[in-house]
Protein backbone atom coordinates (compact mmCIF):
# COMPACT_ATOMS: atom_id res chain seq x y z
CA MET A 1 -6.80 64.76 30.98
CA ILE A 2 -9.40 63.31 28.87
CA SER A 3 -6.77 62.40 26.36
CA VAL A 4 -5.09 60.68 28.98
CA LYS A 5 -7.59 58.23 29.67
CA ARG A 6 -8.53 57.84 26.05
CA GLY A 7 -4.89 56.92 25.31
CA PHE A 8 -4.80 54.54 28.36
CA SER A 9 -7.94 52.50 26.85
CA TYR A 10 -5.79 52.31 23.42
CA TRP A 11 -3.07 50.61 25.17
CA ILE A 12 -5.27 48.22 26.79
CA VAL A 13 -7.67 47.55 24.02
CA LEU A 14 -4.15 46.86 22.35
CA GLY A 15 -2.85 44.63 24.67
CA LEU A 16 -6.76 42.76 25.15
CA LEU A 17 -6.36 42.48 21.18
CA MET A 18 -2.99 41.06 21.09
CA VAL A 19 -3.54 38.51 23.75
CA ILE A 20 -6.85 37.43 22.11
CA GLY A 21 -4.73 37.34 18.35
CA LEU A 22 -1.87 35.29 20.23
CA GLY A 23 -4.63 33.18 21.95
CA ALA A 24 -5.97 32.30 18.62
CA SER A 25 -3.21 31.44 17.08
CA ALA A 26 -1.66 28.76 19.57
CA GLN A 27 -5.37 27.79 19.20
CA SER A 28 -4.73 27.31 15.50
CA ARG A 29 -1.86 25.43 15.90
CA THR A 30 -2.02 21.15 16.18
CA ALA A 31 0.57 19.54 18.11
CA ILE A 32 1.01 15.77 17.68
CA THR A 33 3.85 13.45 18.61
CA ALA A 34 5.16 10.96 16.25
CA TYR A 35 6.06 7.45 17.54
CA THR A 36 9.41 6.29 15.28
CA GLY A 37 12.71 4.81 15.74
CA SER A 38 15.95 5.03 16.86
CA PRO A 39 18.04 7.56 15.77
CA GLY A 40 19.87 6.76 12.21
CA GLY A 41 17.62 3.88 11.53
CA LEU A 42 14.89 3.90 8.60
CA TYR A 43 12.11 5.77 11.22
CA MET A 44 13.08 8.65 12.30
CA GLU A 45 14.63 10.57 9.91
CA PRO A 46 11.74 10.22 7.02
CA PHE A 47 9.51 11.99 10.18
CA ILE A 48 12.01 14.46 10.61
CA VAL A 49 11.61 15.35 7.02
CA TRP A 50 7.72 15.13 7.41
CA SER A 51 7.63 17.35 10.37
CA GLU A 52 9.22 20.35 8.54
CA LEU A 53 6.46 20.05 6.01
CA TRP A 54 3.55 20.17 8.35
CA ARG A 55 5.28 22.89 9.96
CA GLU A 56 5.21 24.78 6.76
CA LEU A 57 1.13 24.28 6.69
CA ASP A 58 -1.53 26.93 7.42
CA PRO A 59 -2.13 26.48 10.54
CA PRO A 60 0.78 24.39 11.61
CA VAL A 61 0.99 21.29 12.77
CA ILE A 62 3.98 20.64 15.29
CA ALA A 63 5.47 17.26 15.47
CA SER A 64 7.35 15.87 18.57
CA VAL A 65 9.21 13.18 16.37
CA ILE A 66 10.46 11.07 19.55
CA HIS A 67 12.03 7.79 19.39
CA GLY A 68 9.75 4.27 19.45
CA GLY A 69 10.08 0.88 18.39
CA SER A 70 8.24 -1.10 16.02
CA ASN A 71 6.35 -3.37 18.52
CA SER A 72 5.71 -0.44 20.76
CA ASN A 73 4.18 2.01 18.28
CA PRO A 74 0.66 0.68 17.75
CA ILE A 75 0.19 0.26 21.17
CA ALA A 76 1.68 3.99 21.70
CA VAL A 77 -0.93 5.40 18.89
CA SER A 78 -3.90 3.07 20.47
CA ARG A 79 -3.58 4.75 23.86
CA ALA A 80 -2.32 8.20 23.14
CA THR A 81 -5.16 10.92 23.04
CA PRO A 82 -7.03 10.29 19.61
CA GLY A 83 -5.44 12.80 16.59
CA ALA A 84 -2.64 13.42 18.77
CA ALA A 85 -0.05 10.56 17.34
CA VAL A 86 1.07 9.18 14.22
CA GLY A 87 3.09 6.05 14.34
CA VAL A 88 5.23 3.74 12.03
CA THR A 89 5.87 -0.23 11.85
CA THR A 90 6.42 -3.38 9.78
CA THR A 91 3.34 -4.23 7.58
CA ILE A 92 3.91 -7.94 9.58
CA LEU A 93 3.72 -6.31 13.00
CA ALA A 94 0.71 -4.24 11.37
CA HIS A 95 -1.21 -7.41 10.57
CA GLU A 96 -0.62 -8.95 13.90
CA ALA A 97 -1.26 -5.53 15.94
CA TRP A 98 -4.62 -5.20 14.09
CA ASN A 99 -5.59 -9.23 14.62
CA GLY A 100 -4.30 -9.34 17.91
CA ILE A 101 -1.81 -12.08 17.21
CA GLY A 102 1.88 -13.03 17.98
CA GLU A 103 3.53 -10.00 19.92
CA TYR A 104 0.02 -8.51 20.92
CA ALA A 105 -1.88 -12.22 21.45
CA ASP A 106 -1.81 -10.94 25.42
CA ILE A 107 -1.49 -7.47 25.28
CA SER A 108 -4.83 -6.71 22.94
CA PRO A 109 -6.39 -10.68 21.72
CA GLU A 110 -9.01 -9.02 20.10
CA GLY A 111 -6.86 -7.30 18.36
CA ILE A 112 -5.74 -3.16 18.19
CA ARG A 113 -8.61 -1.99 15.47
CA GLU A 114 -8.48 1.55 15.98
CA LEU A 115 -5.41 2.19 13.71
CA ARG A 116 -5.74 3.62 10.89
CA ALA A 117 -3.59 4.10 7.77
CA LEU A 118 -1.75 7.26 6.15
CA TRP A 119 0.42 5.37 3.88
CA ARG A 120 3.27 3.08 3.63
CA PHE A 121 7.06 3.32 3.21
CA ASN A 122 7.49 1.20 -0.33
CA VAL A 123 10.75 0.82 0.79
CA LEU A 124 10.56 -3.59 0.71
CA SER A 125 12.41 -5.77 2.51
CA TYR A 126 12.59 -9.24 0.19
CA GLY A 127 12.49 -13.03 0.95
CA HIS A 128 14.73 -15.11 -0.94
CA VAL A 129 15.93 -18.69 -0.85
CA LEU A 130 19.89 -18.83 -2.45
CA PHE A 131 21.39 -22.48 -3.43
CA ARG A 132 24.64 -23.28 -4.70
CA ASP A 133 23.87 -25.04 -8.26
CA ASN A 134 25.55 -28.32 -7.77
CA VAL A 135 23.29 -29.50 -4.81
CA LEU A 136 19.60 -29.49 -6.41
CA PRO A 137 18.08 -32.41 -8.04
CA SER A 138 17.73 -32.16 -11.69
CA GLY A 139 13.83 -31.04 -12.16
CA VAL A 140 13.32 -28.98 -8.93
CA ALA A 141 11.78 -25.64 -10.12
CA THR A 142 10.52 -24.41 -6.81
CA LEU A 143 10.86 -24.67 -2.94
CA GLY A 144 8.17 -27.00 -2.99
CA ASP A 145 9.98 -29.12 -6.09
CA LEU A 146 12.80 -29.30 -3.67
CA LEU A 147 11.29 -30.45 0.06
CA LYS A 148 9.65 -33.32 -1.90
CA ALA A 149 12.98 -34.72 -3.33
CA ASN A 150 15.16 -37.26 -1.16
CA VAL A 151 18.16 -34.46 -0.77
CA ARG A 152 19.96 -33.87 2.63
CA LEU A 153 21.37 -30.47 2.72
CA ARG A 154 23.32 -28.04 4.84
CA PHE A 155 20.98 -24.66 5.43
CA ASP A 156 20.87 -21.74 7.30
CA VAL A 157 17.74 -20.20 8.28
CA LYS A 158 19.35 -16.73 10.38
CA GLU A 159 19.62 -16.23 13.87
CA ARG A 160 16.45 -16.90 15.97
CA GLY A 161 14.90 -14.51 16.85
CA SER A 162 15.48 -11.97 14.10
CA GLY A 163 12.69 -11.10 11.33
CA ALA A 164 14.13 -13.48 8.74
CA GLU A 165 14.19 -16.26 10.82
CA ALA A 166 10.24 -15.69 11.93
CA ALA A 167 9.72 -15.42 8.05
CA ALA A 168 11.56 -18.90 7.62
CA ASN A 169 9.64 -20.83 10.19
CA ARG A 170 6.29 -19.44 8.74
CA LEU A 171 8.15 -20.15 4.96
CA PHE A 172 8.20 -23.72 6.13
CA GLU A 173 5.26 -23.59 8.09
CA SER A 174 3.73 -22.78 4.79
CA TYR A 175 4.49 -26.44 3.46
CA GLY A 176 3.05 -27.94 6.49
CA LEU A 177 6.89 -28.85 7.73
CA SER A 178 8.85 -27.68 11.00
CA TYR A 179 12.25 -27.44 11.84
CA GLN A 180 11.55 -30.91 13.33
CA ASP A 181 10.34 -31.87 10.52
CA LEU A 182 12.81 -30.75 8.13
CA GLN A 183 16.24 -32.56 10.42
CA LYS A 184 14.12 -35.51 10.33
CA MET A 185 14.30 -35.48 6.03
CA GLY A 186 17.90 -34.79 6.17
CA TRP A 187 18.20 -31.31 6.84
CA ASN A 188 21.13 -29.53 8.77
CA LEU A 189 19.65 -26.32 10.06
CA THR A 190 22.24 -23.65 11.28
CA PHE A 191 21.16 -20.10 13.03
CA SER A 192 23.22 -17.55 11.87
CA ALA A 193 23.71 -13.56 11.17
CA PRO A 194 24.12 -13.38 7.74
CA SER A 195 27.20 -12.13 7.01
CA ASP A 196 28.36 -15.50 8.60
CA ALA A 197 25.91 -17.64 6.70
CA THR A 198 27.36 -15.95 3.43
CA SER A 199 30.68 -16.92 4.86
CA LEU A 200 29.97 -20.34 5.32
CA MET A 201 28.32 -20.72 1.90
CA ILE A 202 30.95 -19.20 0.34
CA ASP A 203 33.28 -21.78 1.90
CA GLY A 204 31.72 -24.74 1.03
CA HIS A 205 29.87 -25.48 4.50
CA LEU A 206 26.50 -24.30 3.91
CA ASP A 207 24.36 -25.65 0.51
CA GLY A 208 21.99 -23.06 0.99
CA MET A 209 20.47 -19.98 3.07
CA PHE A 210 17.08 -17.59 3.56
CA ASN A 211 17.22 -14.30 4.19
CA VAL A 212 15.02 -11.09 4.13
CA ALA A 213 16.84 -8.25 3.19
CA ARG A 214 16.43 -5.05 1.22
CA VAL A 215 18.09 -4.49 -2.26
CA PRO A 216 20.88 -4.48 -2.91
CA ALA A 217 22.32 -6.41 0.04
CA SER A 218 25.76 -6.70 0.61
CA VAL A 219 25.84 -10.57 1.77
CA VAL A 220 24.46 -11.02 -1.68
CA LEU A 221 26.67 -9.16 -3.71
CA ASP A 222 29.55 -11.25 -1.97
CA LEU A 223 27.37 -14.53 -2.94
CA GLU A 224 27.25 -13.42 -6.33
CA ALA A 225 31.34 -13.19 -6.34
CA SER A 226 32.23 -15.76 -4.56
CA VAL A 227 29.36 -18.81 -5.48
CA PRO A 228 29.26 -19.25 -9.19
CA GLY A 229 25.90 -20.31 -10.77
CA LEU A 230 23.91 -19.22 -7.71
CA VAL A 231 20.33 -20.20 -7.72
CA TRP A 232 17.42 -18.44 -6.41
CA LEU A 233 14.96 -21.08 -5.75
CA PRO A 234 11.03 -19.44 -6.13
CA ILE A 235 8.42 -19.92 -3.06
CA ASP A 236 5.18 -21.76 -4.75
CA GLN A 237 2.40 -19.47 -5.20
CA GLU A 238 0.12 -20.85 -3.07
CA ASN A 239 2.25 -20.60 -0.47
CA LEU A 240 2.64 -16.97 -1.09
CA GLN A 241 -0.88 -16.81 -0.93
CA TYR A 242 -0.76 -18.57 2.60
CA LEU A 243 2.16 -16.17 3.85
CA TYR A 244 -0.13 -12.87 3.18
CA GLU A 245 -3.56 -14.43 4.30
CA LYS A 246 -2.06 -16.21 7.75
CA HIS A 247 1.10 -13.83 8.81
CA GLY A 248 0.50 -10.77 5.91
CA TYR A 249 3.50 -10.60 4.39
CA LEU A 250 3.50 -8.82 1.07
CA ILE A 251 3.86 -10.78 -2.56
CA GLU A 252 5.78 -8.78 -4.59
CA ASP A 253 8.48 -9.16 -7.43
CA HIS A 254 11.95 -9.35 -6.32
CA PRO A 255 13.82 -6.75 -8.66
CA ASP A 256 16.53 -8.26 -11.15
CA SER A 257 18.99 -6.08 -8.91
CA TYR A 258 21.53 -9.28 -9.17
CA SER A 259 23.49 -10.15 -11.91
CA SER A 260 22.15 -14.01 -10.77
CA ILE A 261 18.40 -13.17 -11.41
CA ASP A 262 17.23 -13.64 -14.75
CA ALA A 263 14.17 -11.79 -14.74
CA PRO A 264 12.00 -10.41 -11.81
CA PHE A 265 10.09 -13.15 -9.71
CA PRO A 266 7.28 -12.95 -6.49
CA THR A 267 8.43 -13.71 -3.46
CA LEU A 268 7.13 -12.61 0.02
CA ALA A 269 8.20 -9.10 1.35
CA TYR A 270 7.28 -6.68 4.07
CA ASP A 271 7.25 -3.25 4.11
CA HIS A 272 6.72 -0.26 6.44
CA VAL A 273 3.07 1.50 7.14
CA VAL A 274 2.56 4.67 8.88
CA PHE A 275 -1.00 5.02 10.80
CA VAL A 276 -3.36 7.13 13.40
CA HIS A 277 -6.16 6.63 15.41
CA GLU A 278 -9.60 6.18 13.92
CA GLY A 279 -10.53 9.58 16.15
CA MET A 280 -8.13 11.25 14.30
CA SER A 281 -10.25 14.08 12.54
CA GLU A 282 -10.61 13.14 8.25
CA GLU A 283 -9.39 17.24 7.95
CA LEU A 284 -5.71 16.45 9.94
CA ALA A 285 -5.35 12.90 8.47
CA TYR A 286 -5.93 14.57 4.93
CA ARG A 287 -3.53 17.32 5.92
CA LEU A 288 -0.80 15.09 7.06
CA THR A 289 -1.22 12.91 4.13
CA LYS A 290 -1.67 15.51 1.18
CA ALA A 291 1.54 16.92 2.52
CA VAL A 292 3.98 13.81 1.98
CA LEU A 293 2.12 12.94 -1.10
CA GLU A 294 2.48 16.11 -3.20
CA ASN A 295 5.91 16.69 -1.70
CA PRO A 296 7.73 12.81 -2.34
CA GLU A 297 11.17 14.87 -3.74
CA VAL A 298 11.46 16.19 -0.14
CA VAL A 299 12.05 12.94 1.42
CA HIS A 300 14.18 11.41 -1.55
CA ASN A 301 16.35 13.81 -1.39
CA ALA A 302 16.84 14.40 2.48
CA VAL A 303 17.10 10.24 3.08
CA PRO A 304 18.70 8.08 0.61
CA ALA A 305 17.01 5.00 1.93
CA MET A 306 13.39 6.52 0.82
CA LYS A 307 14.27 6.90 -2.43
CA PRO A 308 11.61 3.96 -3.48
CA PHE A 309 8.77 6.12 -1.46
CA ASP A 310 5.94 6.66 -4.49
CA PRO A 311 2.25 8.00 -3.74
CA GLN A 312 1.25 6.35 -6.96
CA VAL A 313 1.31 3.15 -4.33
CA ALA A 314 1.77 4.31 -0.89
CA GLY A 315 -1.86 3.92 -0.07
CA THR A 316 -2.38 0.24 -1.25
CA ASN A 317 -1.17 -2.92 0.64
CA THR A 318 -1.10 -1.30 4.08
CA ILE A 319 -2.84 -4.40 5.92
CA ILE A 320 -5.00 -1.69 8.02
CA PRO A 321 -8.13 0.36 6.33
CA LEU A 322 -6.62 3.91 5.13
CA HIS A 323 -8.00 6.64 7.34
CA PRO A 324 -10.67 7.83 5.48
CA GLY A 325 -8.94 11.87 5.55
CA ALA A 326 -6.11 9.56 3.60
CA GLU A 327 -8.61 7.90 1.25
CA ARG A 328 -9.43 11.82 0.26
CA ALA A 329 -6.03 13.24 0.00
CA TYR A 330 -5.37 9.89 -2.44
CA LYS A 331 -8.44 10.55 -4.41
CA GLU A 332 -7.88 14.10 -4.68
CA LEU A 333 -4.77 13.43 -5.93
CA GLY A 334 -5.87 11.19 -8.40
CA PHE A 335 -3.92 7.89 -6.91
CA LEU A 336 -6.76 6.59 -6.11
CA ASP A 337 -10.19 5.62 -7.84
């Protein structure tokens, strides 16, 4: 009888220990939501890769990678339980969200100041101003020079409402000019899709065009093959500085990825930044960031578009401040002083 009681007590104790152990295991896991983008886009695939890295941490971080959007992700992370969400957006929208302007002027005019950066993609889109070589007056070396010249031009600024068109609008704003001012100067402006603008320029119906794109862009390759002497007209340095300070565009050297570029030159650009709520614990932000920085080859191999991701620069030009946990990871790995 005593042995039966002892045996019964043994199984009760063992069962309690198993329950306690399972509870402790569940509690040691951290669950977060990753607000990304549409399936097949630039945002979701890298996060699926990174979520696997985080799952292998000890204790694991379980990330639910869900559909989101560049515009809505800053709002979603700011309203989520601190420490329970990570998001991604462009550096342009990060600037607007942080300052409560543009897309966020009505939603949060005081700015969404609780966001903190972890890293940026280093997958840059570069602005370029392209012209046929026979339409530019002699002595024109920059866009500023051209705008001072008395010349009539047919120029495309991309589809209304697109990111490229917004950049064009802000670019001319940096020179103190509106579209109406350009039209008064004799510029005939069109608003076309990149492929349509390229066709118009190839056919001789456009003198120049503006675009923002990752490199190499197929439309530019088509132009190079069909428009002899394609001219890349640089943006003046003071205007690039204005675009950085006022609108959050990065100043980056356009790579010489095309045969018509003699050497890299500074231009406007934008990137994509990963961020969390400032309320995320330093330890969690550190662990998320360190796992990504220590394993760049994982996302390089899985997502071809992420080949440029570079831990050496991932913590720079993030527009919004780094989370202290992320900063700790960069310093520990020797990527920040």
